[in-house]
Every structure is written in C-alpha cells, then in structure tokens.
Protein backbone atom coordinates (compact mmCIF):
# COMPACT_ATOMS: atom_id res chain seq x y z
CA UNK A 1 0.03 -0.21 0.24
CA UNK A 2 1.67 3.89 -0.62
CA UNK A 3 2.41 5.61 2.01
CA UNK A 4 0.62 8.76 2.67
CA UNK A 5 3.32 10.81 3.71
CA UNK A 6 4.85 10.06 -0.38
CA UNK A 7 0.34 11.11 -1.44
CA UNK A 8 0.64 14.52 0.33
CA UNK A 9 3.84 15.40 -0.82
CA UNK A 10 3.36 14.19 -5.13
CA UNK A 11 0.01 16.24 -4.33
CA UNK A 12 1.80 19.49 -3.22
CA UNK A 13 0.86 19.61 0.19
CA UNK A 14 3.82 19.01 2.60
CA UNK A 15 5.67 22.26 3.57
CA UNK A 16 7.65 21.24 6.31
CA UNK A 17 7.72 18.92 8.81
CA UNK A 18 9.99 18.05 12.17
CA UNK A 19 11.41 15.04 11.63
CA UNK A 20 10.65 13.80 8.19
CA UNK A 21 12.68 10.33 7.86
CA UNK A 22 11.24 9.34 11.13
CA UNK A 23 7.32 10.46 10.55
CA UNK A 24 7.57 8.84 6.77
CA UNK A 25 8.19 5.65 8.70
CA UNK A 26 6.02 5.76 11.24
CA UNK A 27 3.00 6.62 8.58
CA UNK A 28 3.85 3.45 6.69
CA UNK A 29 4.45 0.84 9.60
CA UNK A 30 1.64 1.84 12.15
CA UNK A 31 -1.98 3.36 12.34
CA UNK A 32 -1.09 6.85 13.53
CA UNK A 33 -3.87 9.22 15.53
CA UNK A 34 -3.11 12.68 14.69
CA UNK A 35 -5.24 16.13 15.12
CA UNK A 36 -5.80 19.32 13.19
CA UNK A 37 -7.80 22.05 15.00
CA UNK A 38 -10.05 24.21 14.27
CA UNK A 39 -11.38 27.45 15.99
CA UNK A 40 -14.61 28.42 15.30
CA UNK A 41 -14.41 31.92 14.85
CA UNK A 42 -17.05 32.41 11.51
CA UNK A 43 -20.59 29.79 12.07
CA UNK A 44 -19.12 27.86 9.16
CA UNK A 45 -16.36 26.40 7.65
CA UNK A 46 -14.42 28.25 4.80
CA UNK A 47 -11.94 27.24 1.14
CA UNK A 48 -8.93 27.61 3.57
CA UNK A 49 -10.71 24.55 6.11
CA UNK A 50 -11.29 22.43 3.47
CA UNK A 51 -8.00 21.88 2.46
CA UNK A 52 -7.17 21.18 5.90
CA UNK A 53 -9.93 18.31 5.58
CA UNK A 54 -9.15 17.07 2.78
CA UNK A 55 -5.72 16.64 4.82
CA UNK A 56 -7.55 14.09 7.14
CA UNK A 57 -9.75 12.47 4.40
CA UNK A 58 -6.42 11.20 2.58
CA UNK A 59 -4.94 10.46 6.07
CA UNK A 60 -8.09 8.38 7.27
CA UNK A 61 -8.27 6.92 4.15
CA UNK A 62 -4.21 5.52 4.31
CA UNK A 63 -5.69 3.70 7.71
CA UNK A 64 -4.66 7.16 10.06
CA UNK A 65 -7.15 8.79 12.69
CA UNK A 66 -7.84 12.15 12.72
CA UNK A 67 -9.06 14.02 15.86
CA UNK A 68 -10.81 17.00 15.07
CA UNK A 69 -10.15 19.61 17.54
CA UNK A 70 -12.78 22.29 17.98
CA UNK A 71 -11.09 25.44 19.66
CA UNK A 72 -13.96 26.61 22.04
CA UNK A 73 -11.37 27.32 24.56
CA UNK A 74 -8.99 29.04 22.44
CA UNK A 75 -11.02 31.26 20.44
CA UNK A 76 -11.99 32.82 23.77
CA UNK A 77 -7.85 34.33 23.44
CA UNK A 78 -7.83 34.23 19.78
CA UNK A 79 -4.65 33.70 17.05
CA UNK A 80 -2.86 36.10 16.04
CA UNK A 81 -1.36 34.63 13.87
CA UNK A 82 -1.62 36.22 10.18
CA UNK A 83 -3.55 39.71 12.33
CA UNK A 84 -2.55 42.97 12.29
CA UNK A 85 -4.54 43.74 14.98
CA UNK A 86 -6.02 41.70 18.03
CA UNK A 87 -9.33 39.79 16.63
CA UNK A 88 -12.19 41.02 17.96
CA UNK A 89 -13.29 38.60 21.30
CA UNK A 90 -16.61 36.92 21.05
CA UNK A 91 -18.84 36.08 23.77
CA UNK A 92 -18.85 32.04 24.94
CA UNK A 93 -22.44 31.82 23.19
CA UNK A 94 -21.42 33.16 20.27
CA UNK A 95 -18.19 30.56 19.90
CA UNK A 96 -20.28 27.61 21.45
CA UNK A 97 -23.12 27.50 18.15
CA UNK A 98 -20.09 28.32 15.32
CA UNK A 99 -18.73 25.06 16.92
CA UNK A 100 -21.61 23.18 16.43
CA UNK A 101 -21.54 24.44 12.64
CA UNK A 102 -17.71 22.78 12.58
CA UNK A 103 -18.57 19.67 14.16
CA UNK A 104 -21.94 19.55 11.55
CA UNK A 105 -19.60 20.54 8.93
CA UNK A 106 -16.65 18.42 9.05
CA UNK A 107 -18.70 15.34 9.83
CA UNK A 108 -19.21 14.97 6.11
CA UNK A 109 -15.86 14.37 5.16
CA UNK A 110 -14.93 12.39 7.73
CA UNK A 111 -16.00 8.64 8.87
CA UNK A 112 -16.36 9.36 13.14
CA UNK A 113 -17.37 5.34 13.03
CA UNK A 114 -16.36 3.29 15.53
CA UNK A 115 -13.78 6.02 16.49
CA UNK A 116 -12.79 5.95 12.98
CA UNK A 117 -12.12 9.57 14.04
CA UNK A 118 -12.69 11.47 16.88
CA UNK A 119 -14.30 15.48 17.69
CA UNK A 120 -12.73 17.16 20.72
CA UNK A 121 -13.50 20.93 22.43
CA UNK A 122 -10.40 21.95 23.74
CA UNK A 123 -12.95 23.85 25.79
CA UNK A 124 -13.11 20.35 27.72
CA UNK A 125 -10.15 20.76 29.71
CA UNK A 126 -8.30 24.82 28.98
CA UNK A 127 -11.58 26.44 30.54
CA UNK A 128 -10.76 24.41 34.14
CA UNK A 129 -7.73 25.24 34.49
CA UNK A 130 -5.44 26.35 37.04
CA UNK A 131 -3.28 29.20 36.45
CA UNK A 132 -0.49 28.71 38.90
CA UNK A 133 -1.01 24.98 38.62
CA UNK A 134 -0.68 25.32 34.50
CA UNK A 135 1.46 28.08 34.40
CA UNK A 136 4.15 25.90 36.87
CA UNK A 137 4.07 22.58 34.96
CA UNK A 138 3.88 23.69 30.93
CA UNK A 139 4.78 27.89 31.60
CA UNK A 140 8.03 26.98 32.49
CA UNK A 141 9.08 24.90 29.14
CA UNK A 142 9.52 28.56 27.28
CA UNK A 143 11.19 30.93 26.69
CA UNK A 144 10.24 34.26 26.16
CA UNK A 145 12.55 35.65 23.89
CA UNK A 146 11.89 32.44 21.50
CA UNK A 147 8.53 32.94 21.06
CA UNK A 148 9.17 36.62 20.54
CA UNK A 149 10.80 35.54 17.65
CA UNK A 150 7.87 33.26 16.10
CA UNK A 151 6.54 35.28 13.12
CA UNK A 152 3.29 35.03 14.37
CA UNK A 153 4.57 37.34 17.02
CA UNK A 154 7.47 39.32 15.27
CA UNK A 155 5.00 40.06 12.96
CA UNK A 156 2.80 42.19 15.62
CA UNK A 157 5.34 43.79 17.51
CA UNK A 158 5.43 46.89 16.00
CA UNK A 159 1.73 47.77 16.54
CA UNK A 160 1.44 46.35 20.54
CA UNK A 161 0.95 42.73 21.20
CA UNK A 162 -1.60 41.47 23.58
CA UNK A 163 -0.87 39.20 26.94
CA UNK A 164 -3.61 37.71 26.05
CA UNK A 165 -2.86 36.28 22.42
CA UNK A 166 0.66 35.34 24.16
CA UNK A 167 -0.89 32.54 25.49
CA UNK A 168 -2.36 31.52 22.55
CA UNK A 169 1.08 29.73 21.74
CA UNK A 170 1.39 27.58 24.89
CA UNK A 171 -2.26 26.86 25.11
CA UNK A 172 -2.01 25.10 21.73
CA UNK A 173 0.86 23.12 22.46
CA UNK A 174 -0.83 22.30 25.94
CA UNK A 175 -3.72 20.77 23.57
CA UNK A 176 -0.97 18.36 21.87
CA UNK A 177 0.34 17.32 25.39
CA UNK A 178 -3.32 16.94 26.66
CA UNK A 179 -4.50 14.01 23.10
CA UNK A 180 -1.47 12.92 23.42
CA UNK A 181 -2.34 11.48 27.11
CA UNK A 182 -5.91 10.95 26.37
CA UNK A 183 -5.34 9.10 22.81
CA UNK A 184 -1.94 8.51 22.22
CA UNK A 185 -1.99 11.34 19.16
CA UNK A 186 1.86 11.43 17.65
CA UNK A 187 0.97 14.04 15.23
CA UNK A 188 -0.20 17.32 14.71
CA UNK A 189 -0.66 18.82 11.00
CA UNK A 190 -1.62 21.86 10.05
CA UNK A 191 -1.37 25.11 7.98
CA UNK A 192 2.17 26.37 7.44
CA UNK A 193 1.53 29.70 9.24
CA UNK A 194 0.58 27.29 12.13
CA UNK A 195 4.74 26.39 12.33
CA UNK A 196 5.51 28.06 15.40
CA UNK A 197 2.65 26.87 17.70
CA UNK A 198 2.92 23.07 16.10
CA UNK A 199 6.72 23.08 17.48
CA UNK A 200 6.12 23.89 20.26
CA UNK A 201 3.68 21.41 21.26
CA UNK A 202 6.58 18.80 19.83
CA UNK A 203 8.41 19.20 21.94
CA UNK A 204 6.50 20.64 25.33
CA UNK A 205 5.50 16.97 24.65
CA UNK A 206 9.17 15.43 24.59
CA UNK A 207 10.32 17.21 27.37
CA UNK A 208 7.39 16.54 29.55
CA UNK A 209 6.37 12.76 29.13
CA UNK A 210 9.78 12.31 27.00
CA UNK A 211 7.81 11.01 24.69
CA UNK A 212 8.28 10.93 20.55
CA UNK A 213 5.62 13.89 19.03
CA UNK A 214 5.73 15.48 14.93
CA UNK A 215 4.42 18.82 13.46
CA UNK A 216 4.08 18.86 9.54
CA UNK A 217 2.46 21.46 8.29
CA UNK A 218 0.74 22.05 4.85
CA UNK A 219 0.46 24.29 2.10
CA UNK A 220 -1.64 27.62 2.53
CA UNK A 221 -3.82 27.60 -0.68
CA UNK A 222 -2.24 30.67 -2.71
CA UNK A 223 -2.72 31.17 -6.59
CA UNK A 224 0.48 31.35 -8.75
CA UNK A 225 1.03 34.46 -7.31
CA UNK A 226 0.82 34.56 -3.95
CA UNK A 227 -2.45 35.44 -3.06
CA UNK A 228 -4.64 33.78 -0.28
CA UNK A 229 -7.79 31.71 -2.89
CA UNK A 230 -11.53 31.65 -1.21
CA UNK A 231 -11.94 35.45 -1.68
CA UNK A 232 -14.27 37.28 -3.39
CA UNK A 233 -15.57 40.92 -3.78
CA UNK A 234 -18.22 39.65 -1.86
CA UNK A 235 -16.31 38.00 0.75
CA UNK A 236 -15.51 34.66 1.40
CA UNK A 237 -16.16 31.29 -0.21
CA UNK A 238 -17.99 29.56 2.58
CA UNK A 239 -18.60 25.75 2.63
CA UNK A 240 -22.70 26.37 4.17
CA UNK A 241 -24.64 26.57 1.13
CA UNK A 242 -26.43 28.94 3.13
CA UNK A 243 -23.84 31.68 2.40
CA UNK A 244 -22.52 30.35 -0.88
CA UNK A 245 -24.47 28.96 -2.92
CA UNK A 246 -23.55 25.40 -4.54
CA UNK A 247 -24.03 27.75 -7.99
CA UNK A 248 -21.73 30.61 -6.54
CA UNK A 249 -19.19 28.08 -5.28
CA UNK A 250 -19.18 25.94 -8.53
CA UNK A 251 -18.57 29.06 -10.46
CA UNK A 252 -15.66 30.14 -8.45
CA UNK A 253 -13.22 27.15 -8.71
CA UNK A 254 -14.87 27.12 -13.02
CA UNK A 255 -13.06 30.55 -13.62
CA UNK A 256 -9.79 30.19 -11.15
CA UNK A 257 -6.73 31.37 -13.07
CA UNK A 258 -5.25 28.89 -16.16
CA UNK A 259 -1.69 28.69 -14.02
CA UNK A 260 -4.00 27.06 -11.09
CA UNK A 261 -5.88 24.64 -12.50
CA UNK A 262 -3.21 22.24 -11.41
CA UNK A 263 -2.92 23.08 -7.77
CA UNK A 264 -6.15 23.51 -7.25
CA UNK A 265 -7.03 19.66 -8.93
CA UNK A 266 -3.66 18.08 -6.88
CA UNK A 267 -5.12 19.81 -3.71
CA UNK A 268 -8.84 19.45 -4.25
CA UNK A 269 -9.59 16.92 -5.84
CA UNK A 270 -8.54 12.78 -5.85
CA UNK A 271 -8.93 12.85 -9.05
CA UNK A 272 -4.81 10.12 -9.75
CA UNK A 273 -1.97 12.35 -10.46
CA UNK A 274 -1.69 11.44 -13.57
CA UNK A 275 -5.20 12.71 -14.62
CA UNK A 276 -4.22 15.76 -13.28
CA UNK A 277 -0.97 16.32 -14.47
CA UNK A 278 -2.83 15.48 -18.13
CA UNK A 279 -5.63 18.04 -17.44
CA UNK A 280 -3.60 20.64 -15.29
CA UNK A 281 -0.81 20.84 -18.88
CA UNK A 282 -3.74 21.97 -21.36
CA UNK A 283 -3.43 24.69 -23.02
CA UNK A 284 -6.41 27.73 -24.80
CA UNK A 285 -9.86 26.90 -24.98
CA UNK A 286 -8.87 23.47 -24.05
CA UNK A 287 -7.95 24.64 -20.39
CA UNK A 288 -11.98 25.38 -20.15
CA UNK A 289 -12.61 21.97 -19.66
CA UNK A 290 -10.31 21.22 -17.16
CA UNK A 291 -11.76 23.61 -14.90
CA UNK A 292 -15.60 22.07 -15.14
CA UNK A 293 -13.87 18.66 -13.76
CA UNK A 294 -12.64 21.42 -11.21
CA UNK A 295 -15.70 22.71 -10.25
CA UNK A 296 -17.60 19.84 -10.73
CA UNK A 297 -15.06 17.79 -8.21
CA UNK A 298 -14.93 20.36 -5.97
CA UNK A 299 -19.14 21.14 -5.29
CA UNK A 300 -19.09 17.55 -5.19
CA UNK A 301 -16.77 16.76 -2.74
CA UNK A 302 -18.53 19.77 -0.27
CA UNK A 303 -22.44 19.93 -1.68
CA UNK A 304 -22.72 16.34 -3.27
CA UNK A 305 -23.38 15.36 -7.04
CA UNK A 306 -27.32 16.90 -6.95
CA UNK A 307 -26.11 19.72 -6.31
CA UNK A 308 -22.74 19.58 -8.76
CA UNK A 309 -25.02 18.57 -11.58
CA UNK A 310 -27.43 21.18 -10.77
CA UNK A 311 -24.63 23.77 -10.59
CA UNK A 312 -23.10 22.40 -13.76
CA UNK A 313 -26.23 22.64 -15.33
CA UNK A 314 -26.72 26.51 -14.33
CA UNK A 315 -23.71 26.92 -15.84
CA UNK A 316 -24.17 25.92 -19.33
CA UNK A 317 -27.16 27.27 -19.44
CA UNK A 318 -25.72 30.37 -19.37
CA UNK A 319 -23.42 30.40 -22.21
CA UNK A 320 -25.74 27.93 -24.31
CA UNK A 321 -24.04 24.84 -24.05
CA UNK A 322 -27.09 23.63 -22.54
CA UNK A 323 -30.97 23.50 -21.82
CA UNK A 324 -32.61 26.88 -19.93
CA UNK A 325 -31.91 25.84 -16.84
CA UNK A 326 -33.67 26.60 -12.89
CA UNK A 327 -30.03 26.33 -11.29
CA UNK A 328 -29.16 29.99 -11.57
CA UNK A 329 -29.37 32.10 -8.49
CA UNK A 330 -32.61 33.16 -8.60
CA UNK A 331 -34.75 35.92 -6.02
CA UNK A 332 -38.43 36.17 -6.22
CA UNK A 333 -39.98 39.41 -5.47
CA UNK A 334 -43.67 40.18 -5.64
CA UNK A 335 -44.72 41.86 -9.17
CA UNK A 336 -46.10 45.23 -6.44
CA UNK A 337 -42.66 46.08 -5.64
CA UNK A 338 -41.66 46.98 -9.28
CA UNK A 339 -45.32 48.59 -10.36
CA UNK A 340 -43.39 52.16 -10.34
CA UNK A 341 -40.47 50.45 -10.97
CA UNK A 342 -36.87 50.19 -8.57
CA UNK A 343 -33.97 52.04 -8.66
CA UNK A 344 -31.42 49.24 -9.86
CA UNK A 345 -28.34 50.79 -7.45
CA UNK A 346 -31.13 49.90 -4.47
CA UNK A 347 -32.22 46.23 -6.55
CA UNK A 348 -28.54 45.62 -6.91
CA UNK A 349 -28.12 46.34 -2.35
CA UNK A 350 -31.83 44.55 -2.13
CA UNK A 351 -29.94 41.19 -4.37
CA UNK A 352 -27.19 41.43 -2.20
CA UNK A 353 -24.74 41.53 -4.92
CA UNK A 354 -23.65 44.60 -3.76
CA UNK A 355 -23.33 45.78 -0.37
CA UNK A 356 -23.74 49.59 -1.51
CA UNK A 357 -25.19 52.02 -2.94
CA UNK A 358 -22.00 53.65 -3.31
CA UNK A 359 -20.88 50.64 -4.60
CA UNK A 360 -23.58 50.17 -6.82
CA UNK A 361 -23.13 53.42 -8.42
CA UNK A 362 -19.21 52.03 -9.35
CA UNK A 363 -20.16 49.33 -10.29
CA UNK A 364 -22.93 50.82 -13.24
CA UNK A 365 -20.57 53.68 -13.93
CA UNK A 366 -17.43 51.07 -14.65
CA UNK A 367 -19.94 49.36 -17.22
CA UNK A 368 -20.34 46.17 -15.24
CA UNK A 369 -23.98 46.06 -15.32
CA UNK A 370 -26.20 44.67 -17.54
CA UNK A 371 -29.76 43.21 -17.51
CA UNK A 372 -30.31 40.76 -19.84
CA UNK A 373 -27.45 41.01 -22.01
CA UNK A 374 -27.41 44.94 -22.06
CA UNK A 375 -24.82 47.07 -20.17
CA UNK A 376 -26.32 50.30 -17.97
CA UNK A 377 -24.00 53.09 -16.80
CA UNK A 378 -27.27 55.28 -15.71
CA UNK A 379 -26.99 54.94 -12.35
CA UNK A 380 -30.35 56.49 -12.44
CA UNK A 381 -32.04 53.67 -14.06
CA UNK A 382 -35.55 52.08 -12.88
CA UNK A 383 -36.25 48.66 -13.57
CA UNK A 384 -40.05 48.32 -14.33
CA UNK A 385 -42.18 45.26 -14.83
CA UNK A 386 -42.16 45.98 -18.42
CA UNK A 387 -38.35 45.12 -18.71
CA UNK A 388 -38.80 41.46 -17.58
CA UNK A 389 -39.68 38.80 -20.40
CA UNK A 390 -41.69 36.01 -19.02
CA UNK A 391 -41.62 36.96 -15.11
CA UNK A 392 -37.51 36.53 -15.52
CA UNK A 393 -35.17 39.04 -15.94
CA UNK A 394 -31.67 38.66 -15.78
CA UNK A 395 -28.56 40.27 -14.24
CA UNK A 396 -25.29 40.23 -14.92
CA UNK A 397 -22.34 41.80 -12.64
CA UNK A 398 -18.86 42.02 -14.39
CA UNK A 399 -17.60 39.22 -16.28
CA UNK A 400 -19.11 35.60 -13.54
CA UNK A 401 -22.20 36.40 -11.81
CA UNK A 402 -25.65 36.29 -13.09
CA UNK A 403 -28.46 37.05 -10.99
CA UNK A 404 -31.97 35.87 -12.26
CA UNK A 405 -34.96 37.96 -9.98
CA UNK A 406 -38.09 36.33 -11.18
CA UNK A 407 -41.67 37.93 -10.36
CA UNK A 408 -44.01 36.57 -8.23
C-alpha cells in the first residue's frame, strides 16, 4: 500500500516537517492518531479549512485516525497568526454556536463510526485550568525570547501584542500534550502559518513526557501570484450553502486562473495524479474543460453530486451550452414592488450583489452591470415590470456573476 506521506508529497501538500524520515517511516508501519485544530471564529468553514479536511481524508483513507479539535477554548483568546490587530472578542454563546456548525460540516468529510475519527473541544480542558499549576507545569518550558522570534508574534511587535494573545501558543501546545496523553496522539498537522505553534507542542511533549511527537504543515491555498484563494469581491467562499450557494461555489472554481488549475486539482480533488497532470497541461480554450472538471469535483465533495450537477447545468445554460436551467441563483420579488419601478442601484443592494449603494453606483458607472445582456451605465436607471420577459430578468455583474429576478 502506498505510504500516505508519499501521496501528500506528490500532490503538493507538505511544506515543513519536524522529522521527515521518522514521520514517513511511522506513517508506513502503523496506524497513527493525529490532530488538526479549527478555531470556531465564524459560523461556517471556508475554503482554507477545506484543504485541511482533504488532508484528513487522505490520512484516514490510509488507515490513520484523525482527531478534529474544535477550539472552543482557544477561540476565547484568538490566534494572532496572520493578524495585524487583535481579533474581536467573541461571546461564549457565539463560540458554542460556531463550534456546533463546524462539527456538522466536518462530519460530512470524515467517518466517525467505530472510533475511526474523534471530535473533541479544547474548552473541556482549557476553561477549567488552574493558572499557577498550569504555569508551573507548562509555562516553565517556554522561552519568552524564543517565542518573540516566532513569525506570528514578530509581525505584531510594532503594533502591539496583548498578553492575552501571547498565551495562544502555550495553549495550543498544551492541547497537543492533552491529546497525546488521552488518545496517544503523535502528530499535529496544520497550515504552514501554524509552524511555530506546532513546534511548541512537539517540544512540550518531548520535554514533559519524554515521548516522540511530530509536526507537519501543509501549503496554504494560494494563487500562482501568492494571494490567498477563497476570497471574492463579496467576501469569503464558505462551505455553508446558505452563505455561498453551490452555484456560486462551482463558479468560483470554474473561473480560477489557468495557472492555478493543476494545483487546485491536485490539492482539492482525489483524481489520480496522471489525470491531474494531463488536465493541467491543457492550453488555450481546452483548459476550460479542466476547469469544469475541477469545479464539478470540488462542488461534489462539499455539496454532494446532486448539487454539483445542478450547478454545472446552470453554468452551461448561461453560456448557451445546455437547456434553460432553474439552477442559476434567483430571487423572487413581489410584482407589486415593480409597479412604479425600482432603482437599479437599490435593486443590486437588495439582492446583495453589492454591499452598498456607493458600490452599486461605481459598478454601474464602470459598465459592470447588464440586464438581459444589455449594459446599463445610467446610475438613475429604473427597473420596471415591463422590462421582465416571462416574469424573469437576468442581471449580469462583471464577467462571471449572474442572478435572476423572478416576479411572483
């Protein structure tokens, strides 16, 4: 059986390891319990989290046991990694709600039956810690001088780093120690921005329990230009279909840059690598076929085959490659609201195609809005009932976003 380490390496996941040869040998000879942490800072996972879920799926398929750690305790502090300012403090009620949303979503990707995967919440042990005993057992193993050289802290020194956030690394390290003692967890995995935090946990276990522990980080989901993927003008690409519709999710992957197709196929699908390389090597108009496969496969993993097919049909209908489809995003508005007409700017904001009237004004002036294929540049344009054909009008925003309005 192929060693999962080799699979992850070939597909471009692995960035850094604490002990590469030992890790590869370990993953090849026994079933290893490992963990990845998710701080519930929102009520849905996003595309960046999905890369971590795919990693766990590869590991579980190879016979290893994932622990999904929901950071109900660490979210009370906030990870300073990658942040220029302190995170907004969340209430315990919000954190608990978000944690439940994460649990539901992650359960779609992993098999939790018969102990094949475990889900825990670090609030269970962090919230009841006694401060002085914790400092005496754990805090003494951390050098402040060394912690301040970590990238997650170093980048914050100019603007200021709160003592609250300074504790985050120690808390995450303690999570690893707790999971090691309770579940014989030997590895922590995470995005490459978590390297300093992961090192802290590995070293803590080796010092306190004199046991081997390992860490491995994975590439962050970025474009060929180094920008984080999963962001659009209207915000993050979420896994919750209520926050990002399956159609919009599909369209995001259908429209990635040509240079990013092979990387996305490799990291976000389970297609064999020979097929990935073949699709990634396509050029010109042919690369669109690879993008359709990418969009379909990723949407199928996140939203299921039925929604992936509906999104694919909706996309084809827009470009004249398929029958008229009901799968394009649509909003129903009472006919009475158009009796005297609705201003185009107000309509765009009402449909959440723009976040404000000022954004709508700018978009219209720049020629970024079309109604049923006709570009509208007049910011005072009124959409009236007679503009609708068969009680439907199609709004096109930019080159890629389509939305139907239906009269009811």
